[in-house]
Amino acid sequence: MLDLPIFLVSGILLSLYLDWTFVELIVVFSLAAAQKQLLRPWLNRIEQSAVRLANRRTLCIAFAFLAPILIRVALLPWDPVPQPWIPDEFSHLLIADTLLQGRFANPPHPLWMHFETIHEIFQPVYASVYFPGLGLALAAGKLLGHYWIGVLLSSGAMCAALLWMMYGFFPARWALLGGALAVLKWGALSYWVNSYWGGTVGALAGALVLGAYARVRRRAAISHVLVLGAGLVLLACTRPLEGFILAVPLAVALLWPFRKLSRIGDLARVAAPVALVLALGMIGLGAYFKAITGNPLRMPYRINQELYGWPLTLPWDHPKQVTYRNNEMQLYYLWERCVQYHKTWPTQAIKFAAFEIGPLWRFFLGPALTIPLLLAGGWWKDARIRLLLVCLAASCAVGFIIAAYPHYVSPATGCCLAVMIQAFRHLRVRERKTTRSGLAWSRIAVVTCILMLPIRAFVDSRYLPGTNPGQHTWSALGADQGEWRANLVRRLDEMPGTHLVFVQYDRRGYETTEWVYNDADIDRAKIVWVLDMGPEKNQDVLRYYTDRKPWLVTPDDAPDALWPYDPARARASVIEPIPTEACPPGDSHVPPKVFRPHK
């Protein structure tokens, strides 16, 4: 029984340690000690100017779009364009590349067993297992010059949409505060803008739905109804389950006033445009599914589960027994199975609750934005946010069940922002009812967010003692593990001809870094990445690619080395028998090898 409190305390301490959260806590206490300085008249004048600016809604929304983009671009000399390294990132990039080829899926490759990798399928077609929403944004960025431009633009669009949403729920001054917090917390420096697997598109879709809901319930203008439909379609194409959890309470609240037969005409004027937009979106999504799975109602996830046994997302999902052709795929399956075991209710779920909830708290709130939630009494009783609070609670519950990654609950980002602003409003009421402490504490929260921006921009939390790139810290800066593969790509791009790179792993447990990822059109790519399956099986690849220069790389031992291919160095990884324990001790928990690129 002692392990339960130990796990809970460890999870809480880890949440305060990572992402410089303990520094944020120190800043909060330091400002609290000098809170009289935050009551000076010049700060009142700044607030009054912000109130006047907030009434110029179009200008503020445009600034919310530009601000995160300009901040992140200004930081490029210190934190360059991020390089993908998480398997999810490569999978989303495959969607973008496939769409740019003018198709939803790619034909299977005759040597597909040599290309097998995580979060991609190779039979019956070669495609990503993910939904196409983020891939669409990445494809748009590539058309403008680079995939990451799509991430930047989606981050700006997310912040603009969140501010637009807030104008639908709150007076202008409070809506502007919400937009500013969105830029500070998520838009400019979070992993959402420093990776290719973030939640900007999901948060954008959720904000469009919430903002349209706030306006349609007052007056069902056709423009707002169409935005509602477009937001729902984008949710379905990005995070459908989490989007469904968000949309159902909103739909019930929106349709409830039309429950009487006498209002059937009013209901049709609202529901018909939404249904039309949804129908068109579902036809497109069905066509995407059909191109990959052969069935417009069957998701690529299902193919992946049949072939490889994952994703294991829900606690009642039962792991499948699958035979693997390479060790890396099996190690990932064992990792997923262990994570699944940690969700089993009630003992394991309670034991790991702090580790699951901690990342969500660090990312969306942190110590600064927890202040109004703790100090403002009765904010949860306000009818303005009651429905949003229900949506947020349901979304966090789903995130807790599936995975504690902030992008999993990104559709509810607007709900979280609205709840925070409502707490800020109640906190400021204390200024009039009792003392000026409400004013001081609200300013402490905002000033802390501002001060933490340069700290997270220039101080890399991955270099805290005991952390490593395989441990998701959700920090502001991009993970440098992608630089190793990117540097080899640059070296090969500078060489004449085309290249064939055999990837040889040396690991006993799953590590986040995977290198065998290819373009949508594998045979036409300048570089083809294949798994080293031993000298005998590698001959099939060498005979197929006779015109390519063969190389060998070892990401786990010398990630910066590029050797000419030598059959004597080739070796296939040994596939161990699948252990019966859900989380076997020993080799499956070997600490990952961490390499730090030279700055």
Foldseek 3Di string as FASTA:
>chain_A
DVLQVVLQVVLVVVLCQFQVLVVLVVLLVVCVVVLVVVPDVVVVVVLVVLLVVLVVLVVLLQCLLVVQLVLQVVLCVQFNQAFAFFPLLLQLLQCLLQVVVVDLFACADPPNLQQDDPQFDRPPTTHGQAFNLLSVLQNVVVVVPGSLVSLLNLLSLLLSLLLLLLVLQDPRSLSSVLSVLSSLQPRHFWVSSRGSNFQSLLLNLLSLLNSLLSVVLVPNDVVSLLSNLVSLLSCCRHQNVLSVLLVVLSVCVSCVVCPDPVNVVVVCSRVVSSVVSNVVSLVVQLVSQCSPPVGSPDGSQVVCCVAQQDDPFALPDDGDDHDGPAAQSVQVSLVNLLVSVCLDPDPSLSSNVSNLCSLQCSRLARPLLVQLVPQQPPLCVDPSLVSLVSSLVSLVVSCSRGGSDNSNNSSSSSSSSVSSSSSLVSLCVCVVVPNRVSVSSSVSSVVSSVVVSVVLSNPPSCPDPPHALQDDSSTRHHHCLSVLLVVVVVVLVPDDAAAEEEEEEDALHHGRGDDSRAHSPQVPDRYHYTYQAALVVVVVVCVVPVRHFYWYAYSQPCSNDIGGDDNVPGHGDDHDPDDPDSNDDDRRPDDGRHDDDDD
